[in-house]
C-alpha atoms as a PDB file:
ATOM      1  CA  MET A   1     -13.611  32.217  23.542  1.00  0.00           C
ATOM      2  CA  SER A   2     -16.364  30.883  25.887  1.00  0.00           C
ATOM      3  CA  VAL A   3     -17.158  27.217  26.301  1.00  0.00           C
ATOM      4  CA  ALA A   4     -20.591  27.703  24.717  1.00  0.00           C
ATOM      5  CA  SER A   5     -19.199  29.379  21.675  1.00  0.00           C
ATOM      6  CA  SER A   6     -16.585  26.709  20.857  1.00  0.00           C
ATOM      7  CA  VAL A   7     -18.752  23.553  21.069  1.00  0.00           C
ATOM      8  CA  LEU A   8     -19.661  21.828  17.851  1.00  0.00           C
ATOM      9  CA  ILE A   9     -23.229  21.105  16.983  1.00  0.00           C
ATOM     10  CA  PRO A  10     -24.415  17.949  18.772  1.00  0.00           C
ATOM     11  CA  TYR A  11     -24.782  14.629  17.012  1.00  0.00           C
ATOM     12  CA  ALA A  12     -28.396  15.183  15.976  1.00  0.00           C
ATOM     13  CA  SER A  13     -30.415  15.034  12.752  1.00  0.00           C
ATOM     14  CA  TYR A  14     -33.328  17.253  11.896  1.00  0.00           C
ATOM     15  CA  LEU A  15     -36.623  16.971   9.989  1.00  0.00           C
ATOM     16  CA  ARG A  16     -37.729  20.455   8.994  1.00  0.00           C
ATOM     17  CA  VAL A  17     -40.697  22.013   7.204  1.00  0.00           C
ATOM     18  CA  TYR A  18     -40.237  25.320   5.342  1.00  0.00           C
ATOM     19  CA  GLU A  19     -43.443  27.148   4.563  1.00  0.00           C
ATOM     20  CA  PRO A  20     -44.167  29.955   2.112  1.00  0.00           C
ATOM     21  CA  LEU A  21     -44.732  33.427   3.512  1.00  0.00           C
ATOM     22  CA  ALA A  22     -48.461  33.084   2.633  1.00  0.00           C
ATOM     23  CA  ALA A  23     -48.790  30.407   5.242  1.00  0.00           C
ATOM     24  CA  PHE A  24     -48.149  32.849   8.134  1.00  0.00           C
ATOM     25  CA  PRO A  25     -50.705  35.276   9.478  1.00  0.00           C
ATOM     26  CA  GLU A  26     -49.900  38.941   9.975  1.00  0.00           C
ATOM     27  CA  PRO A  27     -47.864  40.415  11.554  1.00  0.00           C
ATOM     28  CA  GLU A  28     -45.716  37.330  11.471  1.00  0.00           C
ATOM     29  CA  ARG A  29     -45.756  37.249   7.659  1.00  0.00           C
ATOM     30  CA  THR A  30     -44.279  40.748   7.475  1.00  0.00           C
ATOM     31  CA  HIS A  31     -41.609  39.815  10.050  1.00  0.00           C
ATOM     32  CA  TRP A  32     -40.504  36.781   8.062  1.00  0.00           C
ATOM     33  CA  ALA A  33     -40.584  38.701   4.760  1.00  0.00           C
ATOM     34  CA  ARG A  34     -38.131  41.287   6.226  1.00  0.00           C
ATOM     35  CA  TYR A  35     -36.105  38.572   7.901  1.00  0.00           C
ATOM     36  CA  ALA A  36     -35.615  36.692   4.652  1.00  0.00           C
ATOM     37  CA  ARG A  37     -34.095  39.813   3.072  1.00  0.00           C
ATOM     38  CA  LEU A  38     -31.255  39.973   5.631  1.00  0.00           C
ATOM     39  CA  PRO A  39     -27.834  39.516   4.051  1.00  0.00           C
ATOM     40  CA  ARG A  40     -27.012  36.702   6.536  1.00  0.00           C
ATOM     41  CA  THR A  41     -29.169  34.647   8.858  1.00  0.00           C
ATOM     42  CA  PRO A  42     -27.887  32.482  11.739  1.00  0.00           C
ATOM     43  CA  GLY A  43     -27.617  28.717  11.407  1.00  0.00           C
ATOM     44  CA  ALA A  44     -28.248  25.775  13.642  1.00  0.00           C
ATOM     45  CA  GLN A  45     -24.820  26.170  15.266  1.00  0.00           C
ATOM     46  CA  GLU A  46     -25.765  29.640  16.463  1.00  0.00           C
ATOM     47  CA  GLU A  47     -29.026  28.350  17.909  1.00  0.00           C
ATOM     48  CA  LEU A  48     -27.017  25.702  19.775  1.00  0.00           C
ATOM     49  CA  ARG A  49     -24.594  28.259  21.167  1.00  0.00           C
ATOM     50  CA  ARG A  50     -27.376  30.443  22.547  1.00  0.00           C
ATOM     51  CA  SER A  51     -29.052  27.438  24.161  1.00  0.00           C
ATOM     52  CA  LEU A  52     -25.785  26.293  25.733  1.00  0.00           C
ATOM     53  CA  ALA A  53     -25.239  29.814  27.091  1.00  0.00           C
ATOM     54  CA  ASP A  54     -28.565  29.575  28.878  1.00  0.00           C
ATOM     55  CA  LEU A  55     -27.487  26.311  30.541  1.00  0.00           C
ATOM     56  CA  LEU A  56     -24.310  27.845  32.093  1.00  0.00           C
ATOM     57  CA  PRO A  57     -25.901  29.975  34.864  1.00  0.00           C
ATOM     58  CA  THR A  58     -26.916  28.557  38.233  1.00  0.00           C
ATOM     59  CA  PRO A  59     -29.721  27.586  38.180  1.00  0.00           C
ATOM     60  CA  PRO A  60     -29.743  26.782  34.436  1.00  0.00           C
ATOM     61  CA  VAL A  61     -32.309  28.155  32.036  1.00  0.00           C
ATOM     62  CA  PRO A  62     -33.349  25.037  30.015  1.00  0.00           C
ATOM     63  CA  VAL A  63     -36.039  26.901  28.059  1.00  0.00           C
ATOM     64  CA  PRO A  64     -35.660  30.452  26.715  1.00  0.00           C
ATOM     65  CA  VAL A  65     -37.785  33.035  28.522  1.00  0.00           C
ATOM     66  CA  HIS A  66     -38.909  34.436  25.137  1.00  0.00           C
ATOM     67  CA  GLU A  67     -39.599  32.686  21.827  1.00  0.00           C
ATOM     68  CA  SER A  68     -37.004  33.052  19.112  1.00  0.00           C
ATOM     69  CA  GLY A  69     -37.620  35.417  16.220  1.00  0.00           C
ATOM     70  CA  GLU A  70     -35.147  33.490  14.057  1.00  0.00           C
ATOM     71  CA  ALA A  71     -35.717  31.080  11.218  1.00  0.00           C
ATOM     72  CA  PHE A  72     -34.036  29.005   8.548  1.00  0.00           C
ATOM     73  CA  VAL A  73     -34.614  30.446   5.040  1.00  0.00           C
ATOM     74  CA  ALA A  74     -34.498  28.688   1.717  1.00  0.00           C
ATOM     75  CA  ARG A  75     -36.043  28.902  -1.746  1.00  0.00           C
ATOM     76  CA  LEU A  76     -38.341  26.425  -3.376  1.00  0.00           C
ATOM     77  CA  ASP A  77     -38.832  26.954  -7.161  1.00  0.00           C
ATOM     78  CA  GLY A  78     -37.812  30.567  -6.625  1.00  0.00           C
ATOM     79  CA  VAL A  79     -40.231  31.157  -3.756  1.00  0.00           C
ATOM     80  CA  VAL A  80     -38.952  32.104  -0.311  1.00  0.00           C
ATOM     81  CA  VAL A  81     -39.847  29.461   2.304  1.00  0.00           C
ATOM     82  CA  VAL A  82     -39.249  29.831   6.022  1.00  0.00           C
ATOM     83  CA  CYS A  83     -38.716  27.339   8.863  1.00  0.00           C
ATOM     84  CA  PRO A  84     -39.162  29.123  12.295  1.00  0.00           C
ATOM     85  CA  TRP A  85     -36.839  27.946  15.000  1.00  0.00           C
ATOM     86  CA  ARG A  86     -39.445  28.039  17.791  1.00  0.00           C
ATOM     87  CA  THR A  87     -36.612  27.282  20.180  1.00  0.00           C
ATOM     88  CA  ARG A  88     -38.824  27.812  23.217  1.00  0.00           C
ATOM     89  CA  LEU A  89     -41.468  25.338  22.187  1.00  0.00           C
ATOM     90  CA  ARG A  90     -38.884  22.752  21.153  1.00  0.00           C
ATOM     91  CA  GLY A  91     -37.193  23.202  24.482  1.00  0.00           C
ATOM     92  CA  TRP A  92     -40.349  22.381  26.293  1.00  0.00           C
ATOM     93  CA  LEU A  93     -40.950  19.338  24.140  1.00  0.00           C
ATOM     94  CA  ALA A  94     -37.348  18.116  24.541  1.00  0.00           C
ATOM     95  CA  LEU A  95     -37.644  18.338  28.311  1.00  0.00           C
ATOM     96  CA  GLN A  96     -40.729  16.156  28.261  1.00  0.00           C
ATOM     97  CA  GLU A  97     -38.721  13.484  26.423  1.00  0.00           C
ATOM     98  CA  LEU A  98     -36.017  13.420  29.147  1.00  0.00           C
ATOM     99  CA  ASP A  99     -38.322  11.596  31.528  1.00  0.00           C
ATOM    100  CA  GLY A 100     -37.294   7.970  31.598  1.00  0.00           C
ATOM    101  CA  GLN A 101     -34.137   8.473  29.617  1.00  0.00           C
ATOM    102  CA  PHE A 102     -31.914   9.155  32.666  1.00  0.00           C
ATOM    103  CA  PRO A 103     -31.958   7.856  36.294  1.00  0.00           C
ATOM    104  CA  GLU A 104     -33.642  10.360  38.673  1.00  0.00           C
ATOM    105  CA  PRO A 105     -30.330  11.354  40.422  1.00  0.00           C
ATOM    106  CA  VAL A 106     -28.696  12.067  37.106  1.00  0.00           C
ATOM    107  CA  LEU A 107     -31.657  14.091  35.893  1.00  0.00           C
ATOM    108  CA  ASP A 108     -31.745  16.023  39.182  1.00  0.00           C
ATOM    109  CA  ALA A 109     -28.074  16.840  38.819  1.00  0.00           C
ATOM    110  CA  MET A 110     -28.613  18.122  35.308  1.00  0.00           C
ATOM    111  CA  LEU A 111     -31.783  20.086  35.972  1.00  0.00           C
ATOM    112  CA  PRO A 112     -32.887  20.562  39.562  1.00  0.00           C
ATOM    113  CA  PRO A 113     -36.496  19.391  40.224  1.00  0.00           C
ATOM    114  CA  VAL A 114     -37.628  22.929  41.084  1.00  0.00           C
ATOM    115  CA  VAL A 115     -36.394  24.115  37.680  1.00  0.00           C
ATOM    116  CA  ARG A 116     -38.207  21.304  35.942  1.00  0.00           C
ATOM    117  CA  LEU A 117     -41.467  21.998  37.838  1.00  0.00           C
ATOM    118  CA  GLN A 118     -41.341  25.675  36.988  1.00  0.00           C
ATOM    119  CA  VAL A 119     -40.667  24.932  33.314  1.00  0.00           C
ATOM    120  CA  ALA A 120     -43.495  22.418  33.204  1.00  0.00           C
ATOM    121  CA  GLY A 121     -45.902  24.956  34.719  1.00  0.00           C
ATOM    122  CA  ASP A 122     -44.840  27.608  32.222  1.00  0.00           C
ATOM    123  CA  TYR A 123     -45.484  25.142  29.330  1.00  0.00           C
ATOM    124  CA  GLU A 124     -48.955  24.230  30.651  1.00  0.00           C
ATOM    125  CA  ARG A 125     -49.984  27.898  30.903  1.00  0.00           C
ATOM    126  CA  TRP A 126     -48.523  28.708  27.441  1.00  0.00           C
ATOM    127  CA  LEU A 127     -50.217  25.633  25.862  1.00  0.00           C
ATOM    128  CA  SER A 128     -53.598  26.644  27.261  1.00  0.00           C
ATOM    129  CA  ARG A 129     -53.223  29.845  25.228  1.00  0.00           C
ATOM    130  CA  ASN A 130     -51.752  28.111  22.168  1.00  0.00           C
ATOM    131  CA  PRO A 131     -53.451  24.683  21.894  1.00  0.00           C
ATOM    132  CA  ASP A 132     -52.673  24.296  18.212  1.00  0.00           C
ATOM    133  CA  ALA A 133     -48.932  25.006  18.421  1.00  0.00           C
ATOM    134  CA  ARG A 134     -46.546  22.628  16.690  1.00  0.00           C
ATOM    135  CA  PRO A 135     -42.841  22.763  15.926  1.00  0.00           C
ATOM    136  CA  TRP A 136     -41.505  23.185  12.422  1.00  0.00           C
ATOM    137  CA  ILE A 137     -38.451  21.157  13.387  1.00  0.00           C
ATOM    138  CA  ARG A 138     -38.079  17.583  14.758  1.00  0.00           C
ATOM    139  CA  THR A 139     -34.854  16.384  16.178  1.00  0.00           C
ATOM    140  CA  ALA A 140     -33.307  12.897  16.643  1.00  0.00           C
ATOM    141  CA  VAL A 141     -30.061  12.269  18.533  1.00  0.00           C
ATOM    142  CA  TRP A 142     -27.437   9.832  17.277  1.00  0.00           C
ATOM    143  CA  GLN A 143     -29.618   8.648  14.395  1.00  0.00           C
ATOM    144  CA  VAL A 144     -31.931   9.405  11.582  1.00  0.00           C
ATOM    145  CA  PRO A 145     -35.241   7.650  12.279  1.00  0.00           C
ATOM    146  CA  LEU A 146     -35.753   5.244   9.405  1.00  0.00           C
ATOM    147  CA  ARG A 147     -39.333   6.443   8.901  1.00  0.00           C
ATOM    148  CA  TRP A 148     -38.110   9.884   7.941  1.00  0.00           C
ATOM    149  CA  PHE A 149     -36.461   8.358   4.836  1.00  0.00           C
ATOM    150  CA  ALA A 150     -39.875   7.337   3.555  1.00  0.00           C
ATOM    151  CA  LEU A 151     -40.590  10.907   2.679  1.00  0.00           C
ATOM    152  CA  PHE A 152     -37.693  11.225   0.222  1.00  0.00           C
ATOM    153  CA  GLY A 153     -36.300   9.724  -2.949  1.00  0.00           C
ATOM    154  CA  ASP A 154     -32.677   9.281  -3.855  1.00  0.00           C
ATOM    155  CA  GLU A 155     -33.066  12.141  -6.390  1.00  0.00           C
ATOM    156  CA  ASP A 156     -33.709  14.484  -3.342  1.00  0.00           C
ATOM    157  CA  ARG A 157     -30.300  13.770  -1.925  1.00  0.00           C
ATOM    158  CA  GLU A 158     -27.678  16.590  -1.673  1.00  0.00           C
ATOM    159  CA  TYR A 159     -24.166  15.871  -0.523  1.00  0.00           C
ATOM    160  CA  ALA A 160     -21.268  18.283  -0.223  1.00  0.00           C
ATOM    161  CA  PRO A 161     -17.917  16.954   1.046  1.00  0.00           C
ATOM    162  CA  GLY A 162     -16.166  18.900   3.740  1.00  0.00           C
ATOM    163  CA  GLU A 163     -12.905  20.855   3.553  1.00  0.00           C
ATOM    164  CA  ARG A 164     -10.350  20.828   6.269  1.00  0.00           C
ATOM    165  CA  PRO A 165      -9.247  24.111   7.884  1.00  0.00           C
ATOM    166  CA  SER A 166      -6.155  25.572   6.396  1.00  0.00           C
ATOM    167  CA  CYS A 167      -4.572  26.095   9.827  1.00  0.00           C
ATOM    168  CA  ALA A 168      -5.183  25.268  13.517  1.00  0.00           C
ATOM    169  CA  ASP A 169      -6.798  28.654  14.114  1.00  0.00           C
ATOM    170  CA  GLY A 170      -9.580  27.575  11.725  1.00  0.00           C
ATOM    171  CA  ALA A 171     -10.687  24.668  13.805  1.00  0.00           C
ATOM    172  CA  ASP A 172     -13.785  26.494  14.810  1.00  0.00           C
ATOM    173  CA  GLY A 173     -14.850  26.816  11.253  1.00  0.00           C
ATOM    174  CA  ALA A 174     -17.704  24.424  11.785  1.00  0.00           C
ATOM    175  CA  ASP A 175     -19.954  27.279  12.813  1.00  0.00           C
ATOM    176  CA  GLY A 176     -22.922  26.830  10.557  1.00  0.00           C
ATOM    177  CA  ALA A 177     -22.528  23.196   9.956  1.00  0.00           C
ATOM    178  CA  GLY A 178     -26.221  22.920  10.623  1.00  0.00           C
ATOM    179  CA  GLY A 179     -26.870  26.323   9.059  1.00  0.00           C
ATOM    180  CA  ALA A 180     -25.777  25.216   5.666  1.00  0.00           C
ATOM    181  CA  GLY A 181     -27.787  22.055   6.050  1.00  0.00           C
ATOM    182  CA  GLY A 182     -30.905  24.063   6.873  1.00  0.00           C
ATOM    183  CA  ALA A 183     -30.307  27.748   7.198  1.00  0.00           C
ATOM    184  CA  GLY A 184     -30.252  28.729   3.625  1.00  0.00           C
ATOM    185  CA  ASP A 185     -29.724  28.035  -0.001  1.00  0.00           C
ATOM    186  CA  GLU A 186     -26.352  29.741  -0.290  1.00  0.00           C
ATOM    187  CA  GLY A 187     -24.329  26.563  -0.340  1.00  0.00           C
ATOM    188  CA  ALA A 188     -22.114  27.651   2.479  1.00  0.00           C
ATOM    189  CA  ALA A 189     -21.923  23.967   3.605  1.00  0.00           C
ATOM    190  CA  GLY A 190     -20.726  24.843   7.091  1.00  0.00           C
ATOM    191  CA  ALA A 191     -18.106  27.423   6.209  1.00  0.00           C
ATOM    192  CA  GLY A 192     -16.648  29.179   9.232  1.00  0.00           C
ATOM    193  CA  ALA A 193     -16.699  32.918   9.696  1.00  0.00           C
ATOM    194  CA  ASP A 194     -13.139  33.155   8.318  1.00  0.00           C
ATOM    195  CA  GLY A 195     -13.789  30.556   5.569  1.00  0.00           C
ATOM    196  CA  ALA A 196     -11.044  28.375   7.063  1.00  0.00           C
ATOM    197  CA  GLY A 197     -12.947  25.167   7.105  1.00  0.00           C
ATOM    198  CA  ARG A 198     -16.146  23.539   5.956  1.00  0.00           C
ATOM    199  CA  ALA A 199     -18.019  20.535   7.376  1.00  0.00           C
ATOM    200  CA  PRO A 200     -19.734  18.030   5.073  1.00  0.00           C
ATOM    201  CA  VAL A 201     -23.412  18.456   4.354  1.00  0.00           C
ATOM    202  CA  LEU A 202     -25.864  15.639   3.696  1.00  0.00           C
ATOM    203  CA  ARG A 203     -29.516  16.457   3.300  1.00  0.00           C
ATOM    204  CA  TYR A 204     -32.662  15.561   1.424  1.00  0.00           C
ATOM    205  CA  ARG A 205     -35.187  18.145   0.200  1.00  0.00           C
ATOM    206  CA  THR A 206     -38.574  17.606  -1.430  1.00  0.00           C
ATOM    207  CA  THR A 207     -41.917  19.246  -1.851  1.00  0.00           C
ATOM    208  CA  MET A 208     -44.625  18.676   0.710  1.00  0.00           C
ATOM    209  CA  ALA A 209     -46.829  17.113  -2.007  1.00  0.00           C
ATOM    210  CA  GLN A 210     -44.094  14.548  -2.848  1.00  0.00           C
ATOM    211  CA  ALA A 211     -43.437  13.800   0.818  1.00  0.00           C
ATOM    212  CA  ARG A 212     -47.108  13.154   1.480  1.00  0.00           C
ATOM    213  CA  ARG A 213     -47.462  10.882  -1.576  1.00  0.00           C
ATOM    214  CA  ARG A 214     -44.423   8.838  -0.643  1.00  0.00           C
ATOM    215  CA  LEU A 215     -45.610   8.431   2.925  1.00  0.00           C
ATOM    216  CA  ALA A 216     -49.086   7.348   1.815  1.00  0.00           C
ATOM    217  CA  ARG A 217     -47.614   4.750  -0.586  1.00  0.00           C
ATOM    218  CA  ALA A 218     -45.335   3.425   2.157  1.00  0.00           C
ATOM    219  CA  LEU A 219     -48.193   3.141   4.585  1.00  0.00           C
ATOM    220  CA  ARG A 220     -50.405   1.366   2.125  1.00  0.00           C
ATOM    221  CA  ALA A 221     -47.636  -1.136   1.351  1.00  0.00           C
ATOM    222  CA  LEU A 222     -47.051  -1.832   5.042  1.00  0.00           C
ATOM    223  CA  ARG A 223     -50.698  -2.228   5.923  1.00  0.00           C
ATOM    224  CA  GLU A 224     -51.333  -4.640   2.982  1.00  0.00           C
ATOM    225  CA  SER A 225     -48.325  -6.752   3.761  1.00  0.00           C
ATOM    226  CA  ILE A 226     -47.674  -6.892   7.508  1.00  0.00           C
ATOM    227  CA  ASP A 227     -49.384  -6.182  10.806  1.00  0.00           C
ATOM    228  CA  ASP A 228     -49.118  -2.721  12.270  1.00  0.00           C
ATOM    229  CA  GLY A 229     -45.800  -2.125  14.056  1.00  0.00           C
ATOM    230  CA  PRO A 230     -43.368   0.629  15.050  1.00  0.00           C
ATOM    231  CA  MET A 231     -42.653   1.644  11.438  1.00  0.00           C
ATOM    232  CA  THR A 232     -46.375   1.943  10.586  1.00  0.00           C
ATOM    233  CA  GLU A 233     -47.137   3.825  13.784  1.00  0.00           C
ATOM    234  CA  GLY A 234     -44.259   6.074  13.231  1.00  0.00           C
ATOM    235  CA  LEU A 235     -45.306   6.930   9.634  1.00  0.00           C
ATOM    236  CA  ILE A 236     -48.863   7.671  10.855  1.00  0.00           C
ATOM    237  CA  GLU A 237     -47.467  10.066  13.476  1.00  0.00           C
ATOM    238  CA  VAL A 238     -45.206  11.828  10.965  1.00  0.00           C
ATOM    239  CA  GLY A 239     -48.090  12.061   8.458  1.00  0.00           C
ATOM    240  CA  ARG A 240     -50.281  13.765  11.091  1.00  0.00           C
ATOM    241  CA  TRP A 241     -47.525  16.278  11.673  1.00  0.00           C
ATOM    242  CA  LEU A 242     -47.130  17.017   7.953  1.00  0.00           C
ATOM    243  CA  GLU A 243     -50.813  17.663   7.584  1.00  0.00           C
ATOM    244  CA  GLU A 244     -50.446  20.700   9.790  1.00  0.00           C
ATOM    245  CA  PHE A 245     -48.486  22.620   7.164  1.00  0.00           C
ATOM    246  CA  HIS A 246     -49.034  24.468   3.906  1.00  0.00           C
ATOM    247  CA  PRO A 247     -49.350  22.145   0.844  1.00  0.00           C
ATOM    248  CA  ARG A 248     -46.694  24.150  -0.981  1.00  0.00           C
ATOM    249  CA  ALA A 249     -44.141  23.799   1.797  1.00  0.00           C
ATOM    250  CA  MET A 250     -40.702  22.159   1.493  1.00  0.00           C
ATOM    251  CA  VAL A 251     -39.633  19.205   3.661  1.00  0.00           C
ATOM    252  CA  GLU A 252     -35.922  18.715   4.519  1.00  0.00           C
ATOM    253  CA  LEU A 253     -34.076  15.957   6.267  1.00  0.00           C
ATOM    254  CA  ASP A 254     -30.715  17.270   7.479  1.00  0.00           C
ATOM    255  CA  PHE A 255     -28.043  15.003   8.873  1.00  0.00           C
ATOM    256  CA  GLY A 256     -26.934  17.960  10.933  1.00  0.00           C
ATOM    257  CA  GLY A 257     -24.283  17.229  13.490  1.00  0.00           C
ATOM    258  CA  LEU A 258     -24.057  13.541  12.561  1.00  0.00           C
ATOM    259  CA  VAL A 259     -21.669  14.601   9.846  1.00  0.00           C
ATOM    260  CA  HIS A 260     -19.066  15.237  12.630  1.00  0.00           C
ATOM    261  CA  ALA A 261     -19.408  11.717  13.928  1.00  0.00           C
ATOM    262  CA  LEU A 262     -19.350   9.723  10.656  1.00  0.00           C
ATOM    263  CA  PRO A 263     -16.498   9.264   8.162  1.00  0.00           C
ATOM    264  CA  GLU A 264     -16.975  11.142   4.951  1.00  0.00           C
ATOM    265  CA  GLU A 265     -16.694   7.818   3.109  1.00  0.00           C
ATOM    266  CA  TRP A 266     -19.740   6.655   5.030  1.00  0.00           C
ATOM    267  CA  LEU A 267     -21.634   9.872   4.165  1.00  0.00           C
ATOM    268  CA  ALA A 268     -20.679   9.777   0.529  1.00  0.00           C
ATOM    269  CA  ALA A 269     -21.856   6.189   0.214  1.00  0.00           C
ATOM    270  CA  ASP A 270     -25.085   6.515   2.177  1.00  0.00           C
ATOM    271  CA  ARG A 271     -28.295   5.843   0.159  1.00  0.00           C
ATOM    272  CA  SER A 272     -30.648   5.261   2.962  1.00  0.00           C
ATOM    273  CA  ALA A 273     -33.712   6.750   1.239  1.00  0.00           C
ATOM    274  CA  ALA A 274     -33.084   4.496  -1.780  1.00  0.00           C
ATOM    275  CA  GLN A 275     -32.674   1.468   0.446  1.00  0.00           C
ATOM    276  CA  LEU A 276     -35.913   2.103   2.248  1.00  0.00           C
ATOM    277  CA  ALA A 277     -37.736   2.720  -1.066  1.00  0.00           C
ATOM    278  CA  GLU A 278     -36.290  -0.613  -2.347  1.00  0.00           C
ATOM    279  CA  GLY A 279     -37.860  -2.381   0.635  1.00  0.00           C
ATOM    280  CA  ILE A 280     -41.216  -0.647   0.172  1.00  0.00           C
ATOM    281  CA  ALA A 281     -41.222  -1.527  -3.519  1.00  0.00           C
ATOM    282  CA  ALA A 282     -40.522  -5.144  -2.679  1.00  0.00           C
ATOM    283  CA  LEU A 283     -43.501  -5.129  -0.265  1.00  0.00           C
ATOM    284  CA  ARG A 284     -45.795  -3.761  -2.919  1.00  0.00           C
ATOM    285  CA  ALA A 285     -44.602  -6.452  -5.288  1.00  0.00           C
ATOM    286  CA  GLY A 286     -45.329  -9.170  -2.699  1.00  0.00           C
ATOM    287  CA  ASP A 287     -41.683 -10.077  -2.257  1.00  0.00           C
ATOM    288  CA  GLY A 288     -41.466 -10.219   1.569  1.00  0.00           C
ATOM    289  CA  GLU A 289     -38.096 -11.774   1.571  1.00  0.00           C
ATOM    290  CA  ARG A 290     -36.442  -9.145  -0.500  1.00  0.00           C
ATOM    291  CA  ALA A 291     -38.157  -6.430   1.563  1.00  0.00           C
ATOM    292  CA  SER A 292     -36.894  -8.002   4.758  1.00  0.00           C
ATOM    293  CA  GLU A 293     -33.360  -8.116   3.414  1.00  0.00           C
ATOM    294  CA  ALA A 294     -33.384  -4.476   2.277  1.00  0.00           C
ATOM    295  CA  TYR A 295     -34.764  -3.237   5.577  1.00  0.00           C
ATOM    296  CA  GLY A 296     -32.415  -5.433   7.526  1.00  0.00           C
ATOM    297  CA  ARG A 297     -29.387  -3.884   5.767  1.00  0.00           C
ATOM    298  CA  LEU A 298     -30.650  -0.444   6.434  1.00  0.00           C
ATOM    299  CA  ALA A 299     -31.500  -1.108  10.084  1.00  0.00           C
ATOM    300  CA  GLU A 300     -28.036  -2.611  10.662  1.00  0.00           C
ATOM    301  CA  ARG A 301     -26.328   0.375   8.982  1.00  0.00           C
ATOM    302  CA  TRP A 302     -28.055   2.745  11.385  1.00  0.00           C
ATOM    303  CA  ARG A 303     -27.628   0.421  14.406  1.00  0.00           C
ATOM    304  CA  THR A 304     -23.868   0.967  14.144  1.00  0.00           C
ATOM    305  CA  VAL A 305     -24.421   4.762  14.142  1.00  0.00           C
ATOM    306  CA  ARG A 306     -26.647   4.565  17.260  1.00  0.00           C
ATOM    307  CA  ASP A 307     -24.024   2.465  18.952  1.00  0.00           C
ATOM    308  CA  LEU A 308     -21.467   5.318  18.628  1.00  0.00           C
ATOM    309  CA  ARG A 309     -23.415   7.014  21.432  1.00  0.00           C
ATOM    310  CA  PHE A 310     -21.882   4.556  23.865  1.00  0.00           C
ATOM    311  CA  ALA A 311     -18.403   4.478  22.372  1.00  0.00           C
ATOM    312  CA  ASN A 312     -15.429   5.551  24.540  1.00  0.00           C
END
């Protein structure tokens, strides 16, 4: 088995939008309609493996040469909804975020400057032809941004505990850990190809209408109670992104690879959306002290998760 095929999904969370087929122009609509009828579609783990395989050559290929024709597929009230991977676009956006995150020598060792310059040029030319392009998926590493929880209620929470592999040979059964969290409605919950093991799944799903309403209420409460800050600015930015999609879409927050870094007891007990909603409700009621306490508990909970990034 190659290195790329045996690596677990990274410790990342995902905010995804699934749109109905009617949201896509032809011929893309027909493509997704056929795709949704496939007996099996790949999950996030498969996307990761393909991306890792591109990084193995010398020089590496940080962004695919061609855009992916894959998507996550789910159902909302019996209607097929699709979340295109758009791996190439997300690769370009991820490379832009690398600037400033690593010292220059480290970044040069990871991706030689000539490769980064070529990729940047490719993106500029592509963007000039596709000025309205936007990703259906947002990614956060070693955390779930607290603003994402503002889109969901505790009733949207779905948790499925994991199952250990029955034997050592099943240790690679995490293939699809992200797939079950976003690649379908079949409840596979990260089952491996041989069914030997299953990773936990923790996700939230809601309608676009509900997500927009909750975000608007949270913004109103923040603006009426405190000065604009990172949370307000973050909610505005997420709201602008959501406005780009069909009103009958589905919004999903998937803990993705974080389930491999956190104890199942932590996952089972997590009620982050409810905690944030408690803080927002306290703000609307004019109880700033209770709002501060609720937000402080939530921020501290996720600070301990982010700190795992630097653990030995």
